[in-house]
Amino acid sequence: MLKRGAIAFEVAGRVFSILVLGYAILIGGSSPLLFLWGLWIAEVLSLIGLSVRKTIVRRRGGAGGSASSLALYFAFPAVHLVFVLFFWMAGATGMFSSPGVPLLAPPRLAAVVELAAAFVFWNLIDLGRAILRGRRGEPVEGELAVIDREARLALFLPHITIIAGGFCLVMFKLGDWLAWGILVGKILFELLSFTMSREASRR
Protein backbone atom coordinates (compact mmCIF):
# COMPACT_ATOMS: atom_id res chain seq x y z
CA MET A 1 0.00 0.00 0.00
CA LEU A 2 1.40 3.37 -0.99
CA LYS A 3 1.63 6.12 1.58
CA ARG A 4 -0.81 9.01 1.31
CA GLY A 5 2.04 11.38 0.47
CA ALA A 6 3.06 9.25 -2.50
CA ILE A 7 -0.51 9.11 -3.76
CA ALA A 8 -0.90 12.88 -3.40
CA PHE A 9 2.34 13.44 -5.28
CA GLU A 10 1.25 11.15 -8.11
CA VAL A 11 -2.07 12.99 -8.41
CA ALA A 12 -0.27 16.34 -8.36
CA GLY A 13 2.00 15.23 -11.22
CA ARG A 14 -0.93 14.19 -13.39
CA VAL A 15 -2.82 17.44 -12.68
CA PHE A 16 0.30 19.50 -13.41
CA SER A 17 0.70 17.84 -16.82
CA ILE A 18 -2.96 18.51 -17.68
CA LEU A 19 -2.68 22.17 -16.65
CA VAL A 20 0.46 22.71 -18.72
CA LEU A 21 -1.16 21.21 -21.82
CA GLY A 22 -4.30 23.26 -21.24
CA TYR A 23 -2.09 26.34 -21.05
CA ALA A 24 -0.57 25.32 -24.39
CA ILE A 25 -4.02 25.37 -25.99
CA LEU A 26 -4.82 28.79 -24.52
CA ILE A 27 -1.63 30.50 -25.66
CA GLY A 28 -1.61 28.66 -28.99
CA GLY A 29 -4.28 31.02 -30.28
CA SER A 30 -6.03 29.61 -33.31
CA SER A 31 -3.31 27.04 -33.91
CA PRO A 32 -3.19 23.63 -32.20
CA LEU A 33 0.44 23.04 -33.19
CA LEU A 34 1.81 24.18 -29.83
CA PHE A 35 -0.45 21.62 -28.14
CA LEU A 36 1.01 18.84 -30.32
CA TRP A 37 4.53 19.94 -29.44
CA GLY A 38 3.51 19.96 -25.78
CA LEU A 39 2.33 16.34 -25.99
CA TRP A 40 5.62 15.27 -27.54
CA ILE A 41 7.76 17.26 -25.10
CA ALA A 42 5.83 15.78 -22.17
CA GLU A 43 6.41 12.27 -23.52
CA VAL A 44 10.16 12.74 -24.03
CA LEU A 45 10.85 14.47 -20.73
CA SER A 46 8.72 11.94 -18.86
CA LEU A 47 10.79 9.08 -20.26
CA ILE A 48 14.04 10.90 -19.52
CA GLY A 49 12.93 11.57 -15.95
CA LEU A 50 11.84 7.96 -15.43
CA SER A 51 15.14 6.68 -16.87
CA VAL A 52 17.18 8.85 -14.51
CA ARG A 53 14.92 7.87 -11.63
CA LYS A 54 15.37 4.19 -12.44
CA THR A 55 19.14 4.63 -12.47
CA ILE A 56 18.99 6.29 -9.04
CA VAL A 57 16.83 3.49 -7.63
CA ARG A 58 19.02 0.75 -9.14
CA ARG A 59 22.11 2.26 -7.57
CA ARG A 60 20.31 2.48 -4.26
CA GLY A 61 19.59 -1.25 -4.50
CA GLY A 62 23.15 -2.11 -5.46
CA ALA A 63 22.21 -3.25 -8.97
CA GLY A 64 24.27 -0.64 -10.76
CA GLY A 65 22.87 2.20 -12.85
CA SER A 66 24.74 2.28 -16.13
CA ALA A 67 22.03 0.42 -18.05
CA SER A 68 18.33 1.12 -18.26
CA SER A 69 15.64 -1.14 -19.65
CA LEU A 70 13.73 1.99 -20.70
CA ALA A 71 16.18 2.76 -23.53
CA LEU A 72 14.08 0.95 -26.13
CA TYR A 73 11.07 3.06 -25.20
CA PHE A 74 12.71 6.13 -26.77
CA ALA A 75 12.05 4.65 -30.21
CA PHE A 76 8.42 5.70 -29.76
CA PRO A 77 9.00 9.46 -29.27
CA ALA A 78 11.54 9.33 -32.11
CA VAL A 79 8.79 8.09 -34.43
CA HIS A 80 6.28 10.52 -32.94
CA LEU A 81 8.68 13.39 -33.69
CA VAL A 82 8.42 12.55 -37.39
CA PHE A 83 4.65 12.93 -37.20
CA VAL A 84 4.84 16.18 -35.21
CA LEU A 85 7.26 17.69 -37.74
CA PHE A 86 5.06 16.52 -40.61
CA PHE A 87 1.93 18.05 -39.06
CA TRP A 88 3.82 21.24 -38.27
CA MET A 89 5.00 21.57 -41.87
CA ALA A 90 1.60 20.65 -43.31
CA GLY A 91 -0.27 23.10 -41.09
CA ALA A 92 2.15 26.00 -41.46
CA THR A 93 2.59 25.70 -45.25
CA GLY A 94 -0.90 24.57 -46.25
CA MET A 95 0.63 21.63 -48.09
CA PHE A 96 -2.63 19.67 -48.26
CA SER A 97 -5.06 22.55 -47.78
CA SER A 98 -7.52 23.88 -50.30
CA PRO A 99 -6.75 27.30 -51.81
CA GLY A 100 -7.76 30.15 -49.54
CA VAL A 101 -7.78 28.07 -46.34
CA PRO A 102 -5.97 29.97 -43.53
CA LEU A 103 -2.61 28.54 -42.58
CA LEU A 104 -1.92 27.41 -39.05
CA ALA A 105 0.46 29.70 -37.18
CA PRO A 106 3.65 27.89 -36.15
CA PRO A 107 4.25 27.97 -32.38
CA ARG A 108 6.56 30.62 -31.01
CA LEU A 109 9.93 29.28 -29.86
CA ALA A 110 9.51 31.07 -26.53
CA ALA A 111 6.21 29.26 -25.94
CA VAL A 112 7.78 25.87 -26.72
CA VAL A 113 10.62 26.64 -24.30
CA GLU A 114 8.09 27.59 -21.62
CA LEU A 115 6.35 24.22 -21.96
CA ALA A 116 9.65 22.35 -21.82
CA ALA A 117 10.76 24.34 -18.76
CA ALA A 118 7.52 23.50 -16.95
CA PHE A 119 7.93 19.75 -17.53
CA VAL A 120 11.63 19.90 -16.61
CA PHE A 121 10.67 21.66 -13.37
CA TRP A 122 8.35 18.81 -12.37
CA ASN A 123 10.90 16.16 -13.37
CA LEU A 124 13.48 17.81 -11.11
CA ILE A 125 11.02 17.70 -8.22
CA ASP A 126 10.35 14.02 -8.96
CA LEU A 127 14.06 13.20 -9.04
CA GLY A 128 14.69 15.11 -5.84
CA ARG A 129 11.95 13.08 -4.19
CA ALA A 130 13.55 9.83 -5.42
CA ILE A 131 16.88 10.87 -3.88
CA LEU A 132 15.23 11.69 -0.55
CA ARG A 133 13.48 8.31 -0.53
CA GLY A 134 16.86 6.65 -1.03
CA ARG A 135 18.32 8.46 1.95
CA ARG A 136 15.45 7.16 4.07
CA GLY A 137 16.35 3.63 3.00
CA GLU A 138 13.02 2.80 1.38
CA PRO A 139 12.81 -0.52 -0.58
CA VAL A 140 13.55 -0.45 -4.31
CA GLU A 141 11.63 -3.44 -5.73
CA GLY A 142 8.21 -1.84 -5.65
CA GLU A 143 9.52 1.48 -6.94
CA LEU A 144 11.19 -0.17 -9.95
CA ALA A 145 7.90 -1.84 -10.84
CA VAL A 146 6.10 1.51 -10.56
CA ILE A 147 8.66 3.17 -12.85
CA ASP A 148 8.24 0.49 -15.51
CA ARG A 149 4.46 0.82 -15.33
CA GLU A 150 4.62 4.61 -15.59
CA ALA A 151 6.92 4.36 -18.62
CA ARG A 152 4.44 2.15 -20.47
CA LEU A 153 1.58 4.49 -19.66
CA ALA A 154 3.65 7.50 -20.76
CA LEU A 155 3.82 6.02 -24.27
CA PHE A 156 0.22 4.93 -24.73
CA LEU A 157 -1.64 8.23 -24.83
CA PRO A 158 0.87 10.21 -26.96
CA HIS A 159 0.92 7.33 -29.46
CA ILE A 160 -2.79 7.84 -30.08
CA THR A 161 -3.10 11.60 -29.74
CA ILE A 162 -0.06 12.63 -31.75
CA ILE A 163 -0.83 10.39 -34.72
CA ALA A 164 -4.63 10.25 -34.83
CA GLY A 165 -5.33 13.53 -33.03
CA GLY A 166 -2.64 15.39 -34.91
CA PHE A 167 -4.04 14.21 -38.23
CA CYS A 168 -7.52 15.51 -37.38
CA LEU A 169 -6.23 18.77 -35.91
CA VAL A 170 -4.05 19.70 -38.86
CA MET A 171 -5.48 17.99 -41.92
CA PHE A 172 -9.14 18.68 -41.19
CA LYS A 173 -8.52 22.14 -39.65
CA LEU A 174 -10.70 21.26 -36.67
CA GLY A 175 -8.88 23.76 -34.47
CA ASP A 176 -8.66 24.22 -30.73
CA TRP A 177 -12.00 22.70 -29.87
CA LEU A 178 -10.64 19.28 -30.81
CA ALA A 179 -7.48 20.00 -28.84
CA TRP A 180 -9.68 20.54 -25.79
CA GLY A 181 -11.41 17.28 -26.61
CA ILE A 182 -8.07 15.49 -26.71
CA LEU A 183 -7.19 17.06 -23.36
CA VAL A 184 -10.44 15.75 -21.89
CA GLY A 185 -9.45 12.34 -23.23
CA LYS A 186 -6.12 12.70 -21.43
CA ILE A 187 -7.94 13.50 -18.18
CA LEU A 188 -10.05 10.35 -18.53
CA PHE A 189 -6.93 8.33 -19.36
CA GLU A 190 -5.12 9.71 -16.31
CA LEU A 191 -8.06 8.76 -14.09
CA LEU A 192 -8.07 5.25 -15.53
CA SER A 193 -4.31 4.78 -15.23
CA PHE A 194 -4.35 6.13 -11.68
CA THR A 195 -7.03 3.60 -10.74
CA MET A 196 -5.05 0.80 -12.39
CA SER A 197 -1.91 1.87 -10.54
CA ARG A 198 -3.69 1.79 -7.21
CA GLU A 199 -5.10 -1.67 -7.92
CA ALA A 200 -1.64 -2.95 -8.90
CA SER A 201 -0.07 -1.51 -5.74
CA ARG A 202 -2.56 -3.40 -3.55
CA ARG A 203 -1.62 -6.78 -4.99
C-alpha atoms as a PDB file:
ATOM      1  CA  MET A   1       0.000   0.000   0.000  1.00  0.00           C
ATOM      2  CA  LEU A   2       1.397   3.368  -0.990  1.00  0.00           C
ATOM      3  CA  LYS A   3       1.627   6.124   1.585  1.00  0.00           C
ATOM      4  CA  ARG A   4      -0.810   9.009   1.311  1.00  0.00           C
ATOM      5  CA  GLY A   5       2.035  11.380   0.475  1.00  0.00           C
ATOM      6  CA  ALA A   6       3.059   9.246  -2.502  1.00  0.00           C
ATOM      7  CA  ILE A   7      -0.515   9.106  -3.765  1.00  0.00           C
ATOM      8  CA  ALA A   8      -0.902  12.876  -3.404  1.00  0.00           C
ATOM      9  CA  PHE A   9       2.344  13.442  -5.278  1.00  0.00           C
ATOM     10  CA  GLU A  10       1.247  11.154  -8.112  1.00  0.00           C
ATOM     11  CA  VAL A  11      -2.070  12.987  -8.412  1.00  0.00           C
ATOM     12  CA  ALA A  12      -0.272  16.341  -8.365  1.00  0.00           C
ATOM     13  CA  GLY A  13       2.002  15.227 -11.217  1.00  0.00           C
ATOM     14  CA  ARG A  14      -0.932  14.192 -13.389  1.00  0.00           C
ATOM     15  CA  VAL A  15      -2.819  17.436 -12.679  1.00  0.00           C
ATOM     16  CA  PHE A  16       0.300  19.496 -13.408  1.00  0.00           C
ATOM     17  CA  SER A  17       0.697  17.844 -16.822  1.00  0.00           C
ATOM     18  CA  ILE A  18      -2.956  18.508 -17.678  1.00  0.00           C
ATOM     19  CA  LEU A  19      -2.683  22.168 -16.651  1.00  0.00           C
ATOM     20  CA  VAL A  20       0.460  22.714 -18.723  1.00  0.00           C
ATOM     21  CA  LEU A  21      -1.161  21.212 -21.822  1.00  0.00           C
ATOM     22  CA  GLY A  22      -4.302  23.261 -21.244  1.00  0.00           C
ATOM     23  CA  TYR A  23      -2.090  26.341 -21.049  1.00  0.00           C
ATOM     24  CA  ALA A  24      -0.568  25.315 -24.390  1.00  0.00           C
ATOM     25  CA  ILE A  25      -4.017  25.370 -25.991  1.00  0.00           C
ATOM     26  CA  LEU A  26      -4.816  28.787 -24.522  1.00  0.00           C
ATOM     27  CA  ILE A  27      -1.627  30.500 -25.659  1.00  0.00           C
ATOM     28  CA  GLY A  28      -1.613  28.663 -28.988  1.00  0.00           C
ATOM     29  CA  GLY A  29      -4.276  31.022 -30.275  1.00  0.00           C
ATOM     30  CA  SER A  30      -6.035  29.615 -33.309  1.00  0.00           C
ATOM     31  CA  SER A  31      -3.312  27.042 -33.914  1.00  0.00           C
ATOM     32  CA  PRO A  32      -3.193  23.629 -32.199  1.00  0.00           C
ATOM     33  CA  LEU A  33       0.439  23.039 -33.194  1.00  0.00           C
ATOM     34  CA  LEU A  34       1.806  24.176 -29.827  1.00  0.00           C
ATOM     35  CA  PHE A  35      -0.452  21.617 -28.140  1.00  0.00           C
ATOM     36  CA  LEU A  36       1.011  18.844 -30.316  1.00  0.00           C
ATOM     37  CA  TRP A  37       4.531  19.940 -29.439  1.00  0.00           C
ATOM     38  CA  GLY A  38       3.506  19.960 -25.779  1.00  0.00           C
ATOM     39  CA  LEU A  39       2.326  16.342 -25.989  1.00  0.00           C
ATOM     40  CA  TRP A  40       5.619  15.268 -27.543  1.00  0.00           C
ATOM     41  CA  ILE A  41       7.764  17.256 -25.105  1.00  0.00           C
ATOM     42  CA  ALA A  42       5.833  15.784 -22.170  1.00  0.00           C
ATOM     43  CA  GLU A  43       6.415  12.270 -23.523  1.00  0.00           C
ATOM     44  CA  VAL A  44      10.156  12.744 -24.028  1.00  0.00           C
ATOM     45  CA  LEU A  45      10.853  14.467 -20.725  1.00  0.00           C
ATOM     46  CA  SER A  46       8.718  11.941 -18.856  1.00  0.00           C
ATOM     47  CA  LEU A  47      10.794   9.076 -20.256  1.00  0.00           C
ATOM     48  CA  ILE A  48      14.038  10.902 -19.523  1.00  0.00           C
ATOM     49  CA  GLY A  49      12.932  11.571 -15.949  1.00  0.00           C
ATOM     50  CA  LEU A  50      11.845   7.959 -15.433  1.00  0.00           C
ATOM     51  CA  SER A  51      15.139   6.680 -16.870  1.00  0.00           C
ATOM     52  CA  VAL A  52      17.181   8.846 -14.510  1.00  0.00           C
ATOM     53  CA  ARG A  53      14.919   7.873 -11.626  1.00  0.00           C
ATOM     54  CA  LYS A  54      15.365   4.193 -12.438  1.00  0.00           C
ATOM     55  CA  THR A  55      19.137   4.634 -12.465  1.00  0.00           C
ATOM     56  CA  ILE A  56      18.990   6.290  -9.042  1.00  0.00           C
ATOM     57  CA  VAL A  57      16.829   3.489  -7.630  1.00  0.00           C
ATOM     58  CA  ARG A  58      19.024   0.753  -9.141  1.00  0.00           C
ATOM     59  CA  ARG A  59      22.110   2.259  -7.566  1.00  0.00           C
ATOM     60  CA  ARG A  60      20.306   2.478  -4.264  1.00  0.00           C
ATOM     61  CA  GLY A  61      19.586  -1.245  -4.496  1.00  0.00           C
ATOM     62  CA  GLY A  62      23.151  -2.109  -5.464  1.00  0.00           C
ATOM     63  CA  ALA A  63      22.213  -3.251  -8.973  1.00  0.00           C
ATOM     64  CA  GLY A  64      24.271  -0.637 -10.764  1.00  0.00           C
ATOM     65  CA  GLY A  65      22.870   2.196 -12.852  1.00  0.00           C
ATOM     66  CA  SER A  66      24.745   2.281 -16.135  1.00  0.00           C
ATOM     67  CA  ALA A  67      22.033   0.424 -18.052  1.00  0.00           C
ATOM     68  CA  SER A  68      18.331   1.121 -18.257  1.00  0.00           C
ATOM     69  CA  SER A  69      15.644  -1.135 -19.653  1.00  0.00           C
ATOM     70  CA  LEU A  70      13.730   1.989 -20.699  1.00  0.00           C
ATOM     71  CA  ALA A  71      16.177   2.763 -23.525  1.00  0.00           C
ATOM     72  CA  LEU A  72      14.084   0.953 -26.132  1.00  0.00           C
ATOM     73  CA  TYR A  73      11.068   3.063 -25.205  1.00  0.00           C
ATOM     74  CA  PHE A  74      12.712   6.126 -26.766  1.00  0.00           C
ATOM     75  CA  ALA A  75      12.054   4.652 -30.209  1.00  0.00           C
ATOM     76  CA  PHE A  76       8.423   5.701 -29.760  1.00  0.00           C
ATOM     77  CA  PRO A  77       8.999   9.465 -29.269  1.00  0.00           C
ATOM     78  CA  ALA A  78      11.538   9.325 -32.110  1.00  0.00           C
ATOM     79  CA  VAL A  79       8.786   8.091 -34.431  1.00  0.00           C
ATOM     80  CA  HIS A  80       6.283  10.519 -32.940  1.00  0.00           C
ATOM     81  CA  LEU A  81       8.678  13.393 -33.694  1.00  0.00           C
ATOM     82  CA  VAL A  82       8.421  12.548 -37.391  1.00  0.00           C
ATOM     83  CA  PHE A  83       4.648  12.933 -37.202  1.00  0.00           C
ATOM     84  CA  VAL A  84       4.844  16.181 -35.211  1.00  0.00           C
ATOM     85  CA  LEU A  85       7.265  17.686 -37.740  1.00  0.00           C
ATOM     86  CA  PHE A  86       5.062  16.521 -40.613  1.00  0.00           C
ATOM     87  CA  PHE A  87       1.925  18.046 -39.063  1.00  0.00           C
ATOM     88  CA  TRP A  88       3.823  21.241 -38.270  1.00  0.00           C
ATOM     89  CA  MET A  89       5.002  21.569 -41.871  1.00  0.00           C
ATOM     90  CA  ALA A  90       1.596  20.651 -43.312  1.00  0.00           C
ATOM     91  CA  GLY A  91      -0.270  23.103 -41.092  1.00  0.00           C
ATOM     92  CA  ALA A  92       2.153  25.996 -41.457  1.00  0.00           C
ATOM     93  CA  THR A  93       2.594  25.699 -45.245  1.00  0.00           C
ATOM     94  CA  GLY A  94      -0.897  24.570 -46.249  1.00  0.00           C
ATOM     95  CA  MET A  95       0.634  21.626 -48.088  1.00  0.00           C
ATOM     96  CA  PHE A  96      -2.626  19.675 -48.262  1.00  0.00           C
ATOM     97  CA  SER A  97      -5.063  22.546 -47.780  1.00  0.00           C
ATOM     98  CA  SER A  98      -7.519  23.875 -50.300  1.00  0.00           C
ATOM     99  CA  PRO A  99      -6.745  27.299 -51.809  1.00  0.00           C
ATOM    100  CA  GLY A 100      -7.764  30.150 -49.538  1.00  0.00           C
ATOM    101  CA  VAL A 101      -7.784  28.072 -46.341  1.00  0.00           C
ATOM    102  CA  PRO A 102      -5.967  29.970 -43.535  1.00  0.00           C
ATOM    103  CA  LEU A 103      -2.614  28.544 -42.581  1.00  0.00           C
ATOM    104  CA  LEU A 104      -1.918  27.413 -39.045  1.00  0.00           C
ATOM    105  CA  ALA A 105       0.458  29.696 -37.178  1.00  0.00           C
ATOM    106  CA  PRO A 106       3.649  27.890 -36.147  1.00  0.00           C
ATOM    107  CA  PRO A 107       4.253  27.970 -32.376  1.00  0.00           C
ATOM    108  CA  ARG A 108       6.565  30.623 -31.015  1.00  0.00           C
ATOM    109  CA  LEU A 109       9.928  29.283 -29.863  1.00  0.00           C
ATOM    110  CA  ALA A 110       9.507  31.070 -26.534  1.00  0.00           C
ATOM    111  CA  ALA A 111       6.210  29.259 -25.941  1.00  0.00           C
ATOM    112  CA  VAL A 112       7.782  25.872 -26.717  1.00  0.00           C
ATOM    113  CA  VAL A 113      10.624  26.637 -24.297  1.00  0.00           C
ATOM    114  CA  GLU A 114       8.086  27.591 -21.618  1.00  0.00           C
ATOM    115  CA  LEU A 115       6.347  24.223 -21.957  1.00  0.00           C
ATOM    116  CA  ALA A 116       9.648  22.351 -21.821  1.00  0.00           C
ATOM    117  CA  ALA A 117      10.757  24.337 -18.760  1.00  0.00           C
ATOM    118  CA  ALA A 118       7.515  23.496 -16.949  1.00  0.00           C
ATOM    119  CA  PHE A 119       7.932  19.751 -17.532  1.00  0.00           C
ATOM    120  CA  VAL A 120      11.633  19.898 -16.614  1.00  0.00           C
ATOM    121  CA  PHE A 121      10.671  21.655 -13.371  1.00  0.00           C
ATOM    122  CA  TRP A 122       8.351  18.811 -12.370  1.00  0.00           C
ATOM    123  CA  ASN A 123      10.902  16.157 -13.366  1.00  0.00           C
ATOM    124  CA  LEU A 124      13.480  17.806 -11.111  1.00  0.00           C
ATOM    125  CA  ILE A 125      11.017  17.697  -8.223  1.00  0.00           C
ATOM    126  CA  ASP A 126      10.348  14.020  -8.959  1.00  0.00           C
ATOM    127  CA  LEU A 127      14.062  13.198  -9.044  1.00  0.00           C
ATOM    128  CA  GLY A 128      14.686  15.110  -5.836  1.00  0.00           C
ATOM    129  CA  ARG A 129      11.952  13.083  -4.186  1.00  0.00           C
ATOM    130  CA  ALA A 130      13.549   9.829  -5.418  1.00  0.00           C
ATOM    131  CA  ILE A 131      16.879  10.872  -3.878  1.00  0.00           C
ATOM    132  CA  LEU A 132      15.232  11.688  -0.549  1.00  0.00           C
ATOM    133  CA  ARG A 133      13.483   8.313  -0.532  1.00  0.00           C
ATOM    134  CA  GLY A 134      16.855   6.653  -1.026  1.00  0.00           C
ATOM    135  CA  ARG A 135      18.317   8.464   1.952  1.00  0.00           C
ATOM    136  CA  ARG A 136      15.450   7.162   4.073  1.00  0.00           C
ATOM    137  CA  GLY A 137      16.350   3.630   2.996  1.00  0.00           C
ATOM    138  CA  GLU A 138      13.023   2.800   1.378  1.00  0.00           C
ATOM    139  CA  PRO A 139      12.806  -0.520  -0.583  1.00  0.00           C
ATOM    140  CA  VAL A 140      13.546  -0.447  -4.307  1.00  0.00           C
ATOM    141  CA  GLU A 141      11.634  -3.435  -5.734  1.00  0.00           C
ATOM    142  CA  GLY A 142       8.213  -1.836  -5.651  1.00  0.00           C
ATOM    143  CA  GLU A 143       9.522   1.483  -6.940  1.00  0.00           C
ATOM    144  CA  LEU A 144      11.193  -0.165  -9.949  1.00  0.00           C
ATOM    145  CA  ALA A 145       7.897  -1.837 -10.840  1.00  0.00           C
ATOM    146  CA  VAL A 146       6.101   1.514 -10.558  1.00  0.00           C
ATOM    147  CA  ILE A 147       8.661   3.171 -12.851  1.00  0.00           C
ATOM    148  CA  ASP A 148       8.240   0.491 -15.513  1.00  0.00           C
ATOM    149  CA  ARG A 149       4.465   0.816 -15.335  1.00  0.00           C
ATOM    150  CA  GLU A 150       4.617   4.612 -15.586  1.00  0.00           C
ATOM    151  CA  ALA A 151       6.922   4.359 -18.617  1.00  0.00           C
ATOM    152  CA  ARG A 152       4.442   2.151 -20.470  1.00  0.00           C
ATOM    153  CA  LEU A 153       1.581   4.495 -19.656  1.00  0.00           C
ATOM    154  CA  ALA A 154       3.651   7.499 -20.758  1.00  0.00           C
ATOM    155  CA  LEU A 155       3.821   6.017 -24.265  1.00  0.00           C
ATOM    156  CA  PHE A 156       0.221   4.926 -24.728  1.00  0.00           C
ATOM    157  CA  LEU A 157      -1.644   8.231 -24.832  1.00  0.00           C
ATOM    158  CA  PRO A 158       0.873  10.205 -26.962  1.00  0.00           C
ATOM    159  CA  HIS A 159       0.924   7.332 -29.458  1.00  0.00           C
ATOM    160  CA  ILE A 160      -2.792   7.835 -30.078  1.00  0.00           C
ATOM    161  CA  THR A 161      -3.099  11.596 -29.743  1.00  0.00           C
ATOM    162  CA  ILE A 162      -0.056  12.632 -31.753  1.00  0.00           C
ATOM    163  CA  ILE A 163      -0.828  10.387 -34.716  1.00  0.00           C
ATOM    164  CA  ALA A 164      -4.633  10.253 -34.831  1.00  0.00           C
ATOM    165  CA  GLY A 165      -5.333  13.528 -33.028  1.00  0.00           C
ATOM    166  CA  GLY A 166      -2.638  15.390 -34.913  1.00  0.00           C
ATOM    167  CA  PHE A 167      -4.041  14.214 -38.232  1.00  0.00           C
ATOM    168  CA  CYS A 168      -7.523  15.511 -37.378  1.00  0.00           C
ATOM    169  CA  LEU A 169      -6.232  18.766 -35.911  1.00  0.00           C
ATOM    170  CA  VAL A 170      -4.052  19.703 -38.855  1.00  0.00           C
ATOM    171  CA  MET A 171      -5.484  17.990 -41.920  1.00  0.00           C
ATOM    172  CA  PHE A 172      -9.143  18.680 -41.188  1.00  0.00           C
ATOM    173  CA  LYS A 173      -8.523  22.137 -39.648  1.00  0.00           C
ATOM    174  CA  LEU A 174     -10.696  21.256 -36.665  1.00  0.00           C
ATOM    175  CA  GLY A 175      -8.878  23.756 -34.465  1.00  0.00           C
ATOM    176  CA  ASP A 176      -8.658  24.221 -30.728  1.00  0.00           C
ATOM    177  CA  TRP A 177     -12.003  22.702 -29.872  1.00  0.00           C
ATOM    178  CA  LEU A 178     -10.643  19.275 -30.812  1.00  0.00           C
ATOM    179  CA  ALA A 179      -7.482  19.999 -28.840  1.00  0.00           C
ATOM    180  CA  TRP A 180      -9.682  20.540 -25.786  1.00  0.00           C
ATOM    181  CA  GLY A 181     -11.414  17.278 -26.611  1.00  0.00           C
ATOM    182  CA  ILE A 182      -8.071  15.485 -26.706  1.00  0.00           C
ATOM    183  CA  LEU A 183      -7.189  17.063 -23.362  1.00  0.00           C
ATOM    184  CA  VAL A 184     -10.442  15.752 -21.887  1.00  0.00           C
ATOM    185  CA  GLY A 185      -9.447  12.341 -23.231  1.00  0.00           C
ATOM    186  CA  LYS A 186      -6.120  12.704 -21.432  1.00  0.00           C
ATOM    187  CA  ILE A 187      -7.939  13.499 -18.184  1.00  0.00           C
ATOM    188  CA  LEU A 188     -10.049  10.347 -18.531  1.00  0.00           C
ATOM    189  CA  PHE A 189      -6.933   8.335 -19.364  1.00  0.00           C
ATOM    190  CA  GLU A 190      -5.121   9.709 -16.311  1.00  0.00           C
ATOM    191  CA  LEU A 191      -8.057   8.757 -14.092  1.00  0.00           C
ATOM    192  CA  LEU A 192      -8.068   5.252 -15.527  1.00  0.00           C
ATOM    193  CA  SER A 193      -4.310   4.776 -15.234  1.00  0.00           C
ATOM    194  CA  PHE A 194      -4.350   6.129 -11.675  1.00  0.00           C
ATOM    195  CA  THR A 195      -7.031   3.596 -10.741  1.00  0.00           C
ATOM    196  CA  MET A 196      -5.055   0.798 -12.386  1.00  0.00           C
ATOM    197  CA  SER A 197      -1.906   1.870 -10.536  1.00  0.00           C
ATOM    198  CA  ARG A 198      -3.694   1.789  -7.208  1.00  0.00           C
ATOM    199  CA  GLU A 199      -5.100  -1.670  -7.919  1.00  0.00           C
ATOM    200  CA  ALA A 200      -1.639  -2.946  -8.898  1.00  0.00           C
ATOM    201  CA  SER A 201      -0.072  -1.506  -5.736  1.00  0.00           C
ATOM    202  CA  ARG A 202      -2.557  -3.399  -3.546  1.00  0.00           C
ATOM    203  CA  ARG A 203      -1.624  -6.783  -4.989  1.00  0.00           C
END
